[in-house]
Amino acid sequence: MFTITLDDRGLNFQGLKGRAKTLGKIALRSGGMVVANRAKEIITEKGLIKTGTMKRSIHAEPVETKSGDMFVLIGTNIQDPPYPHYLEFGTKRMSPKPFLRPALDETKGEALKEVGEALKRLF
C-alpha cells in the first residue's frame, strides 16, 4: 500500500517500490510542473524578469528520502547570489515579491489532480 500526502514540502508518496517508484517520480514531477509553470507566469506578470535566467531555472524535481518517502521539490537552482530567495522573502531594504508560494497556493488542487491523472496514465 502507498499513500500520497500534501504538506509544507509539497506532494509526498510513501511505500512505492521498484518500477512503481520510477512511475511515482514521473507523476510527482508532472504535478510539480503545474506549480512551476504557474510560478513562471507569476514572474512574468510581476515583471521580475530581467534576463530570463531565473524563470528558466525554475523546475520540479522528485526527491527520495533515505526512508523511501518521495516528494517533489519545486524551485530554482540559483544560489549565488540568492536573488530568488530575496524576491520571495524580501530583505531589510526590499519588500517581498513572492512567486513560488502564490503559485503553490493557486495550483495545489490542480497539481494533485495532475499527479492522480499521471498515475492513471502510467499504471
PDB file of N, CA and C in Angstrom:
ATOM      1  N   MET A   1       0.844  -1.182   0.000  1.00  0.00           N
ATOM      2  CA  MET A   1       0.000   0.000   0.000  1.00  0.00           C
ATOM      3  C   MET A   1       0.882   1.236   0.000  1.00  0.00           C
ATOM      4  N   PHE A   2       0.459   2.258  -0.719  1.00  0.00           N
ATOM      5  CA  PHE A   2       1.189   3.516  -0.686  1.00  0.00           C
ATOM      6  C   PHE A   2       0.224   4.651  -0.411  1.00  0.00           C
ATOM      7  N   THR A   3       0.777   5.769   0.069  1.00  0.00           N
ATOM      8  CA  THR A   3      -0.045   6.932   0.383  1.00  0.00           C
ATOM      9  C   THR A   3       0.506   8.162  -0.327  1.00  0.00           C
ATOM     10  N   ILE A   4      -0.364   9.104  -0.602  1.00  0.00           N
ATOM     11  CA  ILE A   4       0.013  10.394  -1.171  1.00  0.00           C
ATOM     12  C   ILE A   4      -0.471  11.458  -0.192  1.00  0.00           C
ATOM     13  N   THR A   5       0.414  12.377   0.194  1.00  0.00           N
ATOM     14  CA  THR A   5       0.032  13.459   1.101  1.00  0.00           C
ATOM     15  C   THR A   5       0.522  14.792   0.539  1.00  0.00           C
ATOM     16  N   LEU A   6      -0.015  15.864   1.062  1.00  0.00           N
ATOM     17  CA  LEU A   6       0.408  17.215   0.718  1.00  0.00           C
ATOM     18  C   LEU A   6       0.724  17.925   2.018  1.00  0.00           C
ATOM     19  N   ASP A   7       1.945  18.436   2.149  1.00  0.00           N
ATOM     20  CA  ASP A   7       2.320  19.189   3.351  1.00  0.00           C
ATOM     21  C   ASP A   7       3.219  20.354   2.960  1.00  0.00           C
ATOM     22  N   ASP A   8       3.973  20.890   3.927  1.00  0.00           N
ATOM     23  CA  ASP A   8       4.832  22.046   3.663  1.00  0.00           C
ATOM     24  C   ASP A   8       5.835  21.788   2.543  1.00  0.00           C
ATOM     25  N   ARG A   9       6.289  20.536   2.438  1.00  0.00           N
ATOM     26  CA  ARG A   9       7.266  20.192   1.408  1.00  0.00           C
ATOM     27  C   ARG A   9       6.603  20.024   0.048  1.00  0.00           C
ATOM     28  N   GLY A  10       5.316  19.787   0.011  1.00  0.00           N
ATOM     29  CA  GLY A  10       4.604  19.574  -1.239  1.00  0.00           C
ATOM     30  C   GLY A  10       3.946  18.210  -1.270  1.00  0.00           C
ATOM     31  N   LEU A  11       3.927  17.589  -2.433  1.00  0.00           N
ATOM     32  CA  LEU A  11       3.320  16.277  -2.605  1.00  0.00           C
ATOM     33  C   LEU A  11       4.287  15.199  -2.144  1.00  0.00           C
ATOM     34  N   ASN A  12       3.790  14.212  -1.411  1.00  0.00           N
ATOM     35  CA  ASN A  12       4.639  13.153  -0.882  1.00  0.00           C
ATOM     36  C   ASN A  12       4.042  11.789  -1.170  1.00  0.00           C
ATOM     37  N   PHE A  13       4.895  10.846  -1.514  1.00  0.00           N
ATOM     38  CA  PHE A  13       4.498   9.444  -1.684  1.00  0.00           C
ATOM     39  C   PHE A  13       5.244   8.619  -0.647  1.00  0.00           C
ATOM     40  N   GLN A  14       4.586   7.622  -0.102  1.00  0.00           N
ATOM     41  CA  GLN A  14       5.245   6.666   0.780  1.00  0.00           C
ATOM     42  C   GLN A  14       4.863   5.263   0.334  1.00  0.00           C
ATOM     43  N   GLY A  15       5.831   4.350   0.369  1.00  0.00           N
ATOM     44  CA  GLY A  15       5.550   2.941   0.146  1.00  0.00           C
ATOM     45  C   GLY A  15       5.660   2.440  -1.274  1.00  0.00           C
ATOM     46  N   LEU A  16       6.171   3.224  -2.220  1.00  0.00           N
ATOM     47  CA  LEU A  16       6.322   2.736  -3.590  1.00  0.00           C
ATOM     48  C   LEU A  16       7.644   1.986  -3.726  1.00  0.00           C
ATOM     49  N   LYS A  17       7.647   0.916  -4.556  1.00  0.00           N
ATOM     50  CA  LYS A  17       8.867   0.129  -4.758  1.00  0.00           C
ATOM     51  C   LYS A  17       9.054  -0.176  -6.239  1.00  0.00           C
ATOM     52  N   GLY A  18      10.312  -0.410  -6.643  1.00  0.00           N
ATOM     53  CA  GLY A  18      10.632  -0.848  -7.991  1.00  0.00           C
ATOM     54  C   GLY A  18      10.151   0.092  -9.077  1.00  0.00           C
ATOM     55  N   ARG A  19       9.531  -0.502 -10.099  1.00  0.00           N
ATOM     56  CA  ARG A  19       9.044   0.270 -11.241  1.00  0.00           C
ATOM     57  C   ARG A  19       7.986   1.277 -10.800  1.00  0.00           C
ATOM     58  N   ALA A  20       7.191   0.912  -9.816  1.00  0.00           N
ATOM     59  CA  ALA A  20       6.164   1.831  -9.310  1.00  0.00           C
ATOM     60  C   ALA A  20       6.814   3.098  -8.762  1.00  0.00           C
ATOM     61  N   LYS A  21       7.990   2.956  -8.154  1.00  0.00           N
ATOM     62  CA  LYS A  21       8.702   4.121  -7.624  1.00  0.00           C
ATOM     63  C   LYS A  21       9.115   5.052  -8.766  1.00  0.00           C
ATOM     64  N   THR A  22       9.623   4.480  -9.843  1.00  0.00           N
ATOM     65  CA  THR A  22      10.010   5.282 -11.003  1.00  0.00           C
ATOM     66  C   THR A  22       8.796   6.008 -11.576  1.00  0.00           C
ATOM     67  N   LEU A  23       7.688   5.297 -11.704  1.00  0.00           N
ATOM     68  CA  LEU A  23       6.470   5.912 -12.230  1.00  0.00           C
ATOM     69  C   LEU A  23       5.936   6.973 -11.263  1.00  0.00           C
ATOM     70  N   GLY A  24       6.089   6.719  -9.971  1.00  0.00           N
ATOM     71  CA  GLY A  24       5.679   7.713  -8.975  1.00  0.00           C
ATOM     72  C   GLY A  24       6.471   9.002  -9.117  1.00  0.00           C
ATOM     73  N   LYS A  25       7.768   8.875  -9.390  1.00  0.00           N
ATOM     74  CA  LYS A  25       8.602  10.070  -9.590  1.00  0.00           C
ATOM     75  C   LYS A  25       8.151  10.846 -10.822  1.00  0.00           C
ATOM     76  N   ILE A  26       7.798  10.122 -11.868  1.00  0.00           N
ATOM     77  CA  ILE A  26       7.308  10.784 -13.082  1.00  0.00           C
ATOM     78  C   ILE A  26       6.016  11.548 -12.772  1.00  0.00           C
ATOM     79  N   ALA A  27       5.119  10.905 -12.027  1.00  0.00           N
ATOM     80  CA  ALA A  27       3.850  11.554 -11.668  1.00  0.00           C
ATOM     81  C   ALA A  27       4.086  12.759 -10.765  1.00  0.00           C
ATOM     82  N   LEU A  28       4.996  12.649  -9.802  1.00  0.00           N
ATOM     83  CA  LEU A  28       5.317  13.784  -8.931  1.00  0.00           C
ATOM     84  C   LEU A  28       5.861  14.952  -9.737  1.00  0.00           C
ATOM     85  N   ARG A  29       6.771  14.657 -10.668  1.00  0.00           N
ATOM     86  CA  ARG A  29       7.330  15.730 -11.494  1.00  0.00           C
ATOM     87  C   ARG A  29       6.224  16.393 -12.318  1.00  0.00           C
ATOM     88  N   SER A  30       5.312  15.595 -12.839  1.00  0.00           N
ATOM     89  CA  SER A  30       4.206  16.123 -13.638  1.00  0.00           C
ATOM     90  C   SER A  30       3.349  17.085 -12.813  1.00  0.00           C
ATOM     91  N   GLY A  31       3.016  16.691 -11.587  1.00  0.00           N
ATOM     92  CA  GLY A  31       2.253  17.576 -10.709  1.00  0.00           C
ATOM     93  C   GLY A  31       3.048  18.794 -10.295  1.00  0.00           C
ATOM     94  N   GLY A  32       4.336  18.597 -10.039  1.00  0.00           N
ATOM     95  CA  GLY A  32       5.196  19.715  -9.655  1.00  0.00           C
ATOM     96  C   GLY A  32       5.335  20.744 -10.756  1.00  0.00           C
ATOM     97  N   MET A  33       5.303  20.279 -12.001  1.00  0.00           N
ATOM     98  CA  MET A  33       5.433  21.212 -13.123  1.00  0.00           C
ATOM     99  C   MET A  33       4.224  22.136 -13.244  1.00  0.00           C
ATOM    100  N   VAL A  34       3.074  21.697 -12.754  1.00  0.00           N
ATOM    101  CA  VAL A  34       1.896  22.577 -12.734  1.00  0.00           C
ATOM    102  C   VAL A  34       2.217  23.807 -11.881  1.00  0.00           C
ATOM    103  N   VAL A  35       2.812  23.569 -10.714  1.00  0.00           N
ATOM    104  CA  VAL A  35       3.173  24.668  -9.812  1.00  0.00           C
ATOM    105  C   VAL A  35       4.317  25.485 -10.410  1.00  0.00           C
ATOM    106  N   ALA A  36       5.336  24.800 -10.939  1.00  0.00           N
ATOM    107  CA  ALA A  36       6.493  25.500 -11.516  1.00  0.00           C
ATOM    108  C   ALA A  36       6.072  26.396 -12.672  1.00  0.00           C
ATOM    109  N   ASN A  37       5.187  25.900 -13.522  1.00  0.00           N
ATOM    110  CA  ASN A  37       4.737  26.718 -14.656  1.00  0.00           C
ATOM    111  C   ASN A  37       3.955  27.945 -14.197  1.00  0.00           C
ATOM    112  N   ARG A  38       3.165  27.786 -13.147  1.00  0.00           N
ATOM    113  CA  ARG A  38       2.431  28.952 -12.611  1.00  0.00           C
ATOM    114  C   ARG A  38       3.408  29.949 -12.011  1.00  0.00           C
ATOM    115  N   ALA A  39       4.463  29.460 -11.340  1.00  0.00           N
ATOM    116  CA  ALA A  39       5.472  30.369 -10.785  1.00  0.00           C
ATOM    117  C   ALA A  39       6.121  31.176 -11.897  1.00  0.00           C
ATOM    118  N   LYS A  40       6.393  30.537 -13.027  1.00  0.00           N
ATOM    119  CA  LYS A  40       6.979  31.256 -14.170  1.00  0.00           C
ATOM    120  C   LYS A  40       6.026  32.334 -14.691  1.00  0.00           C
ATOM    121  N   GLU A  41       4.737  32.010 -14.720  1.00  0.00           N
ATOM    122  CA  GLU A  41       3.743  33.005 -15.151  1.00  0.00           C
ATOM    123  C   GLU A  41       3.715  34.191 -14.197  1.00  0.00           C
ATOM    124  N   ILE A  42       3.774  33.921 -12.893  1.00  0.00           N
ATOM    125  CA  ILE A  42       3.750  34.997 -11.898  1.00  0.00           C
ATOM    126  C   ILE A  42       4.976  35.885 -12.050  1.00  0.00           C
ATOM    127  N   ILE A  43       6.133  35.281 -12.310  1.00  0.00           N
ATOM    128  CA  ILE A  43       7.353  36.063 -12.526  1.00  0.00           C
ATOM    129  C   ILE A  43       7.155  37.036 -13.674  1.00  0.00           C
ATOM    130  N   THR A  44       6.541  36.575 -14.755  1.00  0.00           N
ATOM    131  CA  THR A  44       6.285  37.432 -15.909  1.00  0.00           C
ATOM    132  C   THR A  44       5.263  38.514 -15.553  1.00  0.00           C
ATOM    133  N   GLU A  45       4.165  38.103 -14.893  1.00  0.00           N
ATOM    134  CA  GLU A  45       3.112  39.058 -14.523  1.00  0.00           C
ATOM    135  C   GLU A  45       3.626  40.169 -13.618  1.00  0.00           C
ATOM    136  N   LYS A  46       4.515  39.829 -12.692  1.00  0.00           N
ATOM    137  CA  LYS A  46       5.039  40.824 -11.749  1.00  0.00           C
ATOM    138  C   LYS A  46       6.228  41.594 -12.304  1.00  0.00           C
ATOM    139  N   GLY A  47       6.657  41.253 -13.514  1.00  0.00           N
ATOM    140  CA  GLY A  47       7.791  41.963 -14.120  1.00  0.00           C
ATOM    141  C   GLY A  47       9.102  41.698 -13.408  1.00  0.00           C
ATOM    142  N   LEU A  48       9.288  40.501 -12.883  1.00  0.00           N
ATOM    143  CA  LEU A  48      10.502  40.176 -12.141  1.00  0.00           C
ATOM    144  C   LEU A  48      11.630  39.692 -13.056  1.00  0.00           C
ATOM    145  N   ILE A  49      11.381  39.664 -14.347  1.00  0.00           N
ATOM    146  CA  ILE A  49      12.371  39.155 -15.297  1.00  0.00           C
ATOM    147  C   ILE A  49      13.254  40.291 -15.782  1.00  0.00           C
ATOM    148  N   LYS A  50      14.559  40.051 -15.755  1.00  0.00           N
ATOM    149  CA  LYS A  50      15.492  40.977 -16.392  1.00  0.00           C
ATOM    150  C   LYS A  50      16.178  40.257 -17.545  1.00  0.00           C
ATOM    151  N   THR A  51      16.700  39.065 -17.268  1.00  0.00           N
ATOM    152  CA  THR A  51      17.393  38.307 -18.320  1.00  0.00           C
ATOM    153  C   THR A  51      16.676  37.012 -18.662  1.00  0.00           C
ATOM    154  N   GLY A  52      15.767  36.555 -17.813  1.00  0.00           N
ATOM    155  CA  GLY A  52      15.084  35.287 -18.039  1.00  0.00           C
ATOM    156  C   GLY A  52      15.757  34.106 -17.363  1.00  0.00           C
ATOM    157  N   THR A  53      16.929  34.331 -16.777  1.00  0.00           N
ATOM    158  CA  THR A  53      17.667  33.240 -16.142  1.00  0.00           C
ATOM    159  C   THR A  53      16.867  32.622 -15.008  1.00  0.00           C
ATOM    160  N   MET A  54      16.271  33.442 -14.171  1.00  0.00           N
ATOM    161  CA  MET A  54      15.520  32.904 -13.035  1.00  0.00           C
ATOM    162  C   MET A  54      14.319  32.096 -13.510  1.00  0.00           C
ATOM    163  N   LYS A  55      13.616  32.611 -14.479  1.00  0.00           N
ATOM    164  CA  LYS A  55      12.440  31.919 -15.000  1.00  0.00           C
ATOM    165  C   LYS A  55      12.841  30.554 -15.569  1.00  0.00           C
ATOM    166  N   ARG A  56      13.936  30.515 -16.312  1.00  0.00           N
ATOM    167  CA  ARG A  56      14.409  29.244 -16.874  1.00  0.00           C
ATOM    168  C   ARG A  56      14.891  28.279 -15.803  1.00  0.00           C
ATOM    169  N   SER A  57      15.303  28.794 -14.660  1.00  0.00           N
ATOM    170  CA  SER A  57      15.870  27.936 -13.618  1.00  0.00           C
ATOM    171  C   SER A  57      14.804  27.237 -12.767  1.00  0.00           C
ATOM    172  N   ILE A  58      13.565  27.638 -12.861  1.00  0.00           N
ATOM    173  CA  ILE A  58      12.505  27.034 -12.041  1.00  0.00           C
ATOM    174  C   ILE A  58      12.186  25.644 -12.578  1.00  0.00           C
ATOM    175  N   HIS A  59      12.177  24.685 -11.673  1.00  0.00           N
ATOM    176  CA  HIS A  59      11.962  23.301 -12.064  1.00  0.00           C
ATOM    177  C   HIS A  59      11.281  22.530 -10.937  1.00  0.00           C
ATOM    178  N   ALA A  60      10.855  21.332 -11.260  1.00  0.00           N
ATOM    179  CA  ALA A  60      10.268  20.415 -10.276  1.00  0.00           C
ATOM    180  C   ALA A  60      11.108  19.149 -10.291  1.00  0.00           C
ATOM    181  N   GLU A  61      11.596  18.751  -9.134  1.00  0.00           N
ATOM    182  CA  GLU A  61      12.492  17.602  -9.036  1.00  0.00           C
ATOM    183  C   GLU A  61      12.004  16.628  -7.971  1.00  0.00           C
ATOM    184  N   PRO A  62      11.675  15.392  -8.370  1.00  0.00           N
ATOM    185  CA  PRO A  62      11.288  14.397  -7.367  1.00  0.00           C
ATOM    186  C   PRO A  62      12.498  14.021  -6.510  1.00  0.00           C
ATOM    187  N   VAL A  63      12.269  13.852  -5.218  1.00  0.00           N
ATOM    188  CA  VAL A  63      13.334  13.517  -4.279  1.00  0.00           C
ATOM    189  C   VAL A  63      12.889  12.312  -3.458  1.00  0.00           C
ATOM    190  N   GLU A  64      13.828  11.391  -3.231  1.00  0.00           N
ATOM    191  CA  GLU A  64      13.546  10.240  -2.390  1.00  0.00           C
ATOM    192  C   GLU A  64      14.393  10.336  -1.126  1.00  0.00           C
ATOM    193  N   THR A  65      13.766  10.183   0.028  1.00  0.00           N
ATOM    194  CA  THR A  65      14.486  10.231   1.293  1.00  0.00           C
ATOM    195  C   THR A  65      15.098   8.862   1.585  1.00  0.00           C
ATOM    196  N   LYS A  66      15.962   8.796   2.579  1.00  0.00           N
ATOM    197  CA  LYS A  66      16.573   7.525   2.968  1.00  0.00           C
ATOM    198  C   LYS A  66      15.533   6.507   3.417  1.00  0.00           C
ATOM    199  N   SER A  67      14.431   6.992   3.965  1.00  0.00           N
ATOM    200  CA  SER A  67      13.377   6.082   4.434  1.00  0.00           C
ATOM    201  C   SER A  67      12.486   5.594   3.290  1.00  0.00           C
ATOM    202  N   GLY A  68      12.707   6.111   2.068  1.00  0.00           N
ATOM    203  CA  GLY A  68      11.930   5.668   0.917  1.00  0.00           C
ATOM    204  C   GLY A  68      10.759   6.563   0.568  1.00  0.00           C
ATOM    205  N   ASP A  69      10.481   7.573   1.390  1.00  0.00           N
ATOM    206  CA  ASP A  69       9.419   8.527   1.052  1.00  0.00           C
ATOM    207  C   ASP A  69       9.875   9.362  -0.143  1.00  0.00           C
ATOM    208  N   MET A  70       8.917   9.813  -0.914  1.00  0.00           N
ATOM    209  CA  MET A  70       9.228  10.664  -2.058  1.00  0.00           C
ATOM    210  C   MET A  70       8.384  11.921  -2.006  1.00  0.00           C
ATOM    211  N   PHE A  71       8.975  13.013  -2.460  1.00  0.00           N
ATOM    212  CA  PHE A  71       8.241  14.261  -2.585  1.00  0.00           C
ATOM    213  C   PHE A  71       8.847  15.029  -3.744  1.00  0.00           C
ATOM    214  N   VAL A  72       8.211  16.106  -4.134  1.00  0.00           N
ATOM    215  CA  VAL A  72       8.727  16.902  -5.240  1.00  0.00           C
ATOM    216  C   VAL A  72       9.155  18.276  -4.716  1.00  0.00           C
ATOM    217  N   LEU A  73      10.389  18.652  -5.056  1.00  0.00           N
ATOM    218  CA  LEU A  73      10.892  19.987  -4.734  1.00  0.00           C
ATOM    219  C   LEU A  73      10.621  20.880  -5.934  1.00  0.00           C
ATOM    220  N   ILE A  74      10.071  22.035  -5.667  1.00  0.00           N
ATOM    221  CA  ILE A  74       9.788  22.993  -6.735  1.00  0.00           C
ATOM    222  C   ILE A  74      10.526  24.272  -6.391  1.00  0.00           C
ATOM    223  N   GLY A  75      11.363  24.727  -7.290  1.00  0.00           N
ATOM    224  CA  GLY A  75      12.105  25.939  -7.000  1.00  0.00           C
ATOM    225  C   GLY A  75      13.117  26.242  -8.073  1.00  0.00           C
ATOM    226  N   THR A  76      14.116  26.993  -7.680  1.00  0.00           N
ATOM    227  CA  THR A  76      15.165  27.422  -8.591  1.00  0.00           C
ATOM    228  C   THR A  76      16.503  26.913  -8.084  1.00  0.00           C
ATOM    229  N   ASN A  77      17.443  26.721  -8.988  1.00  0.00           N
ATOM    230  CA  ASN A  77      18.765  26.263  -8.582  1.00  0.00           C
ATOM    231  C   ASN A  77      19.758  27.416  -8.473  1.00  0.00           C
ATOM    232  N   ILE A  78      19.288  28.638  -8.571  1.00  0.00           N
ATOM    233  CA  ILE A  78      20.169  29.799  -8.431  1.00  0.00           C
ATOM    234  C   ILE A  78      20.452  30.010  -6.947  1.00  0.00           C
ATOM    235  N   GLN A  79      21.733  29.920  -6.581  1.00  0.00           N
ATOM    236  CA  GLN A  79      22.095  30.074  -5.176  1.00  0.00           C
ATOM    237  C   GLN A  79      23.071  31.217  -4.914  1.00  0.00           C
ATOM    238  N   ASP A  80      23.848  31.614  -5.908  1.00  0.00           N
ATOM    239  CA  ASP A  80      24.868  32.623  -5.674  1.00  0.00           C
ATOM    240  C   ASP A  80      24.818  33.669  -6.778  1.00  0.00           C
ATOM    241  N   PRO A  81      24.301  34.834  -6.536  1.00  0.00           N
ATOM    242  CA  PRO A  81      23.662  35.293  -5.301  1.00  0.00           C
ATOM    243  C   PRO A  81      22.249  34.708  -5.187  1.00  0.00           C
ATOM    244  N   PRO A  82      21.741  34.618  -3.978  1.00  0.00           N
ATOM    245  CA  PRO A  82      20.414  34.009  -3.773  1.00  0.00           C
ATOM    246  C   PRO A  82      19.269  34.951  -4.123  1.00  0.00           C
ATOM    247  N   TYR A  83      19.326  35.513  -5.322  1.00  0.00           N
ATOM    248  CA  TYR A  83      18.346  36.504  -5.767  1.00  0.00           C
ATOM    249  C   TYR A  83      16.907  36.003  -5.674  1.00  0.00           C
ATOM    250  N   PRO A  84      16.594  34.757  -6.111  1.00  0.00           N
ATOM    251  CA  PRO A  84      15.212  34.291  -5.989  1.00  0.00           C
ATOM    252  C   PRO A  84      14.721  34.287  -4.531  1.00  0.00           C
ATOM    253  N   HIS A  85      15.616  33.955  -3.610  1.00  0.00           N
ATOM    254  CA  HIS A  85      15.258  33.975  -2.179  1.00  0.00           C
ATOM    255  C   HIS A  85      14.925  35.409  -1.754  1.00  0.00           C
ATOM    256  N   TYR A  86      15.728  36.361  -2.208  1.00  0.00           N
ATOM    257  CA  TYR A  86      15.471  37.767  -1.872  1.00  0.00           C
ATOM    258  C   TYR A  86      14.111  38.207  -2.409  1.00  0.00           C
ATOM    259  N   LEU A  87      13.778  37.797  -3.623  1.00  0.00           N
ATOM    260  CA  LEU A  87      12.484  38.168  -4.187  1.00  0.00           C
ATOM    261  C   LEU A  87      11.340  37.534  -3.409  1.00  0.00           C
ATOM    262  N   GLU A  88      11.466  36.249  -3.116  1.00  0.00           N
ATOM    263  CA  GLU A  88      10.382  35.517  -2.449  1.00  0.00           C
ATOM    264  C   GLU A  88      10.117  36.052  -1.039  1.00  0.00           C
ATOM    265  N   PHE A  89      11.178  36.331  -0.291  1.00  0.00           N
ATOM    266  CA  PHE A  89      11.028  36.688   1.125  1.00  0.00           C
ATOM    267  C   PHE A  89      11.374  38.137   1.446  1.00  0.00           C
ATOM    268  N   GLY A  90      11.982  38.852   0.504  1.00  0.00           N
ATOM    269  CA  GLY A  90      12.368  40.237   0.753  1.00  0.00           C
ATOM    270  C   GLY A  90      13.664  40.342   1.540  1.00  0.00           C
ATOM    271  N   THR A  91      14.126  41.564   1.726  1.00  0.00           N
ATOM    272  CA  THR A  91      15.305  41.856   2.540  1.00  0.00           C
ATOM    273  C   THR A  91      14.944  43.044   3.416  1.00  0.00           C
ATOM    274  N   LYS A  92      15.882  43.501   4.201  1.00  0.00           N
ATOM    275  CA  LYS A  92      15.564  44.662   5.034  1.00  0.00           C
ATOM    276  C   LYS A  92      15.374  45.915   4.186  1.00  0.00           C
ATOM    277  N   ARG A  93      15.843  45.892   2.939  1.00  0.00           N
ATOM    278  CA  ARG A  93      15.701  47.053   2.062  1.00  0.00           C
ATOM    279  C   ARG A  93      14.746  46.825   0.895  1.00  0.00           C
ATOM    280  N   MET A  94      14.184  45.613   0.788  1.00  0.00           N
ATOM    281  CA  MET A  94      13.323  45.302  -0.348  1.00  0.00           C
ATOM    282  C   MET A  94      12.127  44.493   0.139  1.00  0.00           C
ATOM    283  N   SER A  95      10.953  44.909  -0.247  1.00  0.00           N
ATOM    284  CA  SER A  95       9.759  44.164   0.158  1.00  0.00           C
ATOM    285  C   SER A  95       9.693  42.852  -0.631  1.00  0.00           C
ATOM    286  N   PRO A  96       9.046  41.832  -0.062  1.00  0.00           N
ATOM    287  CA  PRO A  96       8.943  40.555  -0.772  1.00  0.00           C
ATOM    288  C   PRO A  96       8.080  40.675  -2.025  1.00  0.00           C
ATOM    289  N   LYS A  97       8.463  39.907  -3.022  1.00  0.00           N
ATOM    290  CA  LYS A  97       7.695  39.791  -4.263  1.00  0.00           C
ATOM    291  C   LYS A  97       7.534  38.300  -4.545  1.00  0.00           C
ATOM    292  N   PRO A  98       6.742  37.620  -3.725  1.00  0.00           N
ATOM    293  CA  PRO A  98       6.667  36.160  -3.804  1.00  0.00           C
ATOM    294  C   PRO A  98       6.110  35.657  -5.136  1.00  0.00           C
ATOM    295  N   PHE A  99       6.670  34.548  -5.577  1.00  0.00           N
ATOM    296  CA  PHE A  99       6.196  33.906  -6.799  1.00  0.00           C
ATOM    297  C   PHE A  99       5.979  32.410  -6.591  1.00  0.00           C
ATOM    298  N   LEU A 100       6.764  31.759  -5.729  1.00  0.00           N
ATOM    299  CA  LEU A 100       6.595  30.320  -5.505  1.00  0.00           C
ATOM    300  C   LEU A 100       5.424  30.004  -4.577  1.00  0.00           C
ATOM    301  N   ARG A 101       5.338  30.713  -3.466  1.00  0.00           N
ATOM    302  CA  ARG A 101       4.235  30.441  -2.528  1.00  0.00           C
ATOM    303  C   ARG A 101       2.875  30.712  -3.160  1.00  0.00           C
ATOM    304  N   PRO A 102       2.700  31.844  -3.859  1.00  0.00           N
ATOM    305  CA  PRO A 102       1.403  32.055  -4.513  1.00  0.00           C
ATOM    306  C   PRO A 102       1.119  30.992  -5.575  1.00  0.00           C
ATOM    307  N   ALA A 103       2.146  30.556  -6.283  1.00  0.00           N
ATOM    308  CA  ALA A 103       1.946  29.524  -7.309  1.00  0.00           C
ATOM    309  C   ALA A 103       1.430  28.241  -6.668  1.00  0.00           C
ATOM    310  N   LEU A 104       2.003  27.843  -5.538  1.00  0.00           N
ATOM    311  CA  LEU A 104       1.534  26.640  -4.841  1.00  0.00           C
ATOM    312  C   LEU A 104       0.121  26.840  -4.327  1.00  0.00           C
ATOM    313  N   ASP A 105      -0.139  27.979  -3.724  1.00  0.00           N
ATOM    314  CA  ASP A 105      -1.483  28.247  -3.200  1.00  0.00           C
ATOM    315  C   ASP A 105      -2.544  28.183  -4.302  1.00  0.00           C
ATOM    316  N   GLU A 106      -2.216  28.721  -5.468  1.00  0.00           N
ATOM    317  CA  GLU A 106      -3.184  28.787  -6.564  1.00  0.00           C
ATOM    318  C   GLU A 106      -3.381  27.449  -7.277  1.00  0.00           C
ATOM    319  N   THR A 107      -2.369  26.583  -7.251  1.00  0.00           N
ATOM    320  CA  THR A 107      -2.429  25.391  -8.113  1.00  0.00           C
ATOM    321  C   THR A 107      -2.369  24.064  -7.373  1.00  0.00           C
ATOM    322  N   LYS A 108      -2.385  24.063  -6.034  1.00  0.00           N
ATOM    323  CA  LYS A 108      -2.184  22.773  -5.355  1.00  0.00           C
ATOM    324  C   LYS A 108      -3.272  21.755  -5.699  1.00  0.00           C
ATOM    325  N   GLY A 109      -4.511  22.192  -5.837  1.00  0.00           N
ATOM    326  CA  GLY A 109      -5.572  21.262  -6.233  1.00  0.00           C
ATOM    327  C   GLY A 109      -5.341  20.711  -7.633  1.00  0.00           C
ATOM    328  N   GLU A 110      -4.977  21.594  -8.539  1.00  0.00           N
ATOM    329  CA  GLU A 110      -4.693  21.188  -9.914  1.00  0.00           C
ATOM    330  C   GLU A 110      -3.475  20.257  -9.969  1.00  0.00           C
ATOM    331  N   ALA A 111      -2.464  20.549  -9.138  1.00  0.00           N
ATOM    332  CA  ALA A 111      -1.255  19.718  -9.105  1.00  0.00           C
ATOM    333  C   ALA A 111      -1.579  18.313  -8.604  1.00  0.00           C
ATOM    334  N   LEU A 112      -2.379  18.228  -7.543  1.00  0.00           N
ATOM    335  CA  LEU A 112      -2.778  16.915  -7.030  1.00  0.00           C
ATOM    336  C   LEU A 112      -3.574  16.145  -8.080  1.00  0.00           C
ATOM    337  N   LYS A 113      -4.449  16.847  -8.774  1.00  0.00           N
ATOM    338  CA  LYS A 113      -5.241  16.208  -9.826  1.00  0.00           C
ATOM    339  C   LYS A 113      -4.321  15.689 -10.935  1.00  0.00           C
ATOM    340  N   GLU A 114      -3.322  16.469 -11.301  1.00  0.00           N
ATOM    341  CA  GLU A 114      -2.372  16.064 -12.337  1.00  0.00           C
ATOM    342  C   GLU A 114      -1.584  14.827 -11.909  1.00  0.00           C
ATOM    343  N   VAL A 115      -1.193  14.767 -10.639  1.00  0.00           N
ATOM    344  CA  VAL A 115      -0.480  13.574 -10.148  1.00  0.00           C
ATOM    345  C   VAL A 115      -1.379  12.355 -10.288  1.00  0.00           C
ATOM    346  N   GLY A 116      -2.628  12.493  -9.886  1.00  0.00           N
ATOM    347  CA  GLY A 116      -3.574  11.383  -9.996  1.00  0.00           C
ATOM    348  C   GLY A 116      -3.775  10.952 -11.439  1.00  0.00           C
ATOM    349  N   GLU A 117      -3.927  11.918 -12.335  1.00  0.00           N
ATOM    350  CA  GLU A 117      -4.120  11.593 -13.753  1.00  0.00           C
ATOM    351  C   GLU A 117      -2.866  10.954 -14.340  1.00  0.00           C
ATOM    352  N   ALA A 118      -1.696  11.461 -13.930  1.00  0.00           N
ATOM    353  CA  ALA A 118      -0.446  10.876 -14.415  1.00  0.00           C
ATOM    354  C   ALA A 118      -0.316   9.429 -13.932  1.00  0.00           C
ATOM    355  N   LEU A 119      -0.688   9.181 -12.686  1.00  0.00           N
ATOM    356  CA  LEU A 119      -0.618   7.812 -12.165  1.00  0.00           C
ATOM    357  C   LEU A 119      -1.566   6.888 -12.945  1.00  0.00           C
ATOM    358  N   LYS A 120      -2.753   7.393 -13.270  1.00  0.00           N
ATOM    359  CA  LYS A 120      -3.697   6.587 -14.052  1.00  0.00           C
ATOM    360  C   LYS A 120      -3.109   6.258 -15.426  1.00  0.00           C
ATOM    361  N   ARG A 121      -2.482   7.256 -16.055  1.00  0.00           N
ATOM    362  CA  ARG A 121      -1.884   7.038 -17.380  1.00  0.00           C
ATOM    363  C   ARG A 121      -0.730   6.052 -17.302  1.00  0.00           C
ATOM    364  N   LEU A 122       0.054   6.127 -16.236  1.00  0.00           N
ATOM    365  CA  LEU A 122       1.267   5.318 -16.117  1.00  0.00           C
ATOM    366  C   LEU A 122       0.995   3.884 -15.659  1.00  0.00           C
ATOM    367  N   PHE A 123      -0.010   3.719 -14.807  1.00  0.00           N
ATOM    368  CA  PHE A 123      -0.279   2.372 -14.274  1.00  0.00           C
ATOM    369  C   PHE A 123      -1.333   1.760 -15.114  1.00  0.00           C
TER     370      PHE A 123
END
